[in-house]
Amino acid sequence: MPNYDYECETCGKRFEIFQSMKDAKLEVCPTKICDKGGKVRRLLGTGGGIIFKGGGFYQTDYRSASYQSGAKKDSESKPAAPAPEAKPATPKSDA
């Protein structure tokens, strides 16, 4: 069930309501500050973002077993790249 943000047009109070998607949107301000029962409007938001916690989540984590075994065979068949050799430093001449 999502949270919805509302703002009262009378008292200006902003509040968040946790309600089902099937529930009708609020029309009257429920706060005690607004004794006039002001009209509320639902604010547009970006919605709740997904929060990933832990070591990491990647698209490839959930690949099929056949894909994973093929990828493993492919990575094993490639030879490792040789390490670059270090060149000795040449001294500068003062000529």
Protein backbone atom coordinates (compact mmCIF):
# COMPACT_ATOMS: atom_id res chain seq x y z
CA MET A 1 0.00 0.00 0.00
CA PRO A 2 1.49 3.35 -1.02
CA ASN A 3 1.80 6.63 0.82
CA TYR A 4 0.07 9.62 -0.73
CA ASP A 5 0.99 13.27 -0.16
CA TYR A 6 -1.78 15.82 0.23
CA GLU A 7 -1.92 19.57 0.78
CA CYS A 8 -4.80 21.52 2.27
CA GLU A 9 -5.80 24.52 0.16
CA THR A 10 -7.19 26.31 3.25
CA CYS A 11 -4.54 25.92 5.96
CA GLY A 12 -1.61 24.98 3.68
CA LYS A 13 -0.72 21.92 5.78
CA ARG A 14 1.07 19.12 3.92
CA PHE A 15 0.64 15.58 5.16
CA GLU A 16 1.15 12.00 4.09
CA ILE A 17 -1.51 9.30 4.23
CA PHE A 18 -0.91 5.55 4.00
CA GLN A 19 -3.86 4.13 2.07
CA SER A 20 -4.77 1.41 -0.39
CA MET A 21 -4.71 2.12 -4.12
CA LYS A 22 -8.39 1.19 -4.17
CA ASP A 23 -9.35 3.80 -1.54
CA ALA A 24 -10.92 7.03 -2.70
CA LYS A 25 -8.62 10.03 -2.44
CA LEU A 26 -9.17 12.44 0.44
CA GLU A 27 -11.27 15.52 -0.16
CA VAL A 28 -11.41 17.14 3.31
CA CYS A 29 -8.43 18.13 5.49
CA PRO A 30 -8.16 15.69 8.44
CA THR A 31 -5.81 17.85 10.56
CA LYS A 32 -6.97 19.50 13.78
CA ILE A 33 -5.33 22.76 12.69
CA CYS A 34 -7.82 23.18 9.86
CA ASP A 35 -11.11 23.73 11.70
CA LYS A 36 -12.81 24.76 8.46
CA GLY A 37 -12.51 21.33 6.85
CA GLY A 38 -10.53 22.68 3.92
CA LYS A 39 -10.38 21.05 0.55
CA VAL A 40 -7.24 18.94 -0.04
CA ARG A 41 -5.47 18.02 -3.24
CA ARG A 42 -3.22 15.05 -3.84
CA LEU A 43 0.31 16.05 -4.77
CA LEU A 44 2.16 14.43 -7.59
CA GLY A 45 5.31 12.71 -6.48
CA THR A 46 8.05 10.60 -7.88
CA GLY A 47 6.86 7.66 -5.89
CA GLY A 48 8.88 5.50 -3.61
CA GLY A 49 12.24 4.58 -4.92
CA ILE A 50 13.62 1.11 -4.56
CA ILE A 51 16.30 0.92 -1.91
CA PHE A 52 18.91 -1.76 -2.38
CA LYS A 53 20.88 -2.65 0.72
CA GLY A 54 23.66 -5.16 0.91
CA GLY A 55 26.68 -6.21 -1.08
CA GLY A 56 25.16 -5.42 -4.43
CA PHE A 57 22.41 -6.31 -6.84
CA TYR A 58 23.11 -6.84 -10.50
CA GLN A 59 21.01 -7.82 -13.49
CA THR A 60 23.21 -10.88 -14.01
CA ASP A 61 22.48 -12.20 -10.49
CA TYR A 62 19.23 -13.71 -11.66
CA ARG A 63 20.24 -15.19 -15.02
CA SER A 64 19.24 -18.75 -15.86
CA ALA A 65 21.55 -21.63 -14.97
CA SER A 66 22.24 -22.38 -18.67
CA TYR A 67 23.32 -18.76 -19.27
CA GLN A 68 25.58 -18.78 -16.21
CA SER A 69 27.27 -22.05 -17.22
CA GLY A 70 27.83 -20.76 -20.78
CA ALA A 71 29.31 -17.51 -19.47
CA LYS A 72 31.61 -19.45 -17.16
CA LYS A 73 32.85 -21.65 -20.01
CA ASP A 74 33.40 -18.57 -22.17
CA SER A 75 35.46 -16.79 -19.51
CA GLU A 76 37.55 -19.92 -18.86
CA SER A 77 38.38 -20.39 -22.56
CA LYS A 78 39.81 -16.87 -23.01
CA PRO A 79 43.56 -16.67 -22.29
CA ALA A 80 44.66 -14.15 -19.70
CA ALA A 81 46.26 -11.01 -21.08
CA PRO A 82 50.03 -10.85 -20.43
CA ALA A 83 51.17 -8.31 -17.87
CA PRO A 84 52.94 -5.29 -19.38
CA GLU A 85 56.69 -5.24 -18.83
CA ALA A 86 58.23 -2.36 -16.95
CA LYS A 87 60.76 -0.37 -18.97
CA PRO A 88 63.96 0.67 -17.20
CA ALA A 89 64.28 4.40 -16.58
CA THR A 90 66.90 6.13 -18.76
CA PRO A 91 68.99 8.80 -17.09
CA LYS A 92 68.87 12.28 -18.59
CA SER A 93 72.11 13.61 -19.99
CA ASP A 94 73.19 17.21 -19.48
CA ALA A 95 74.71 17.77 -22.93
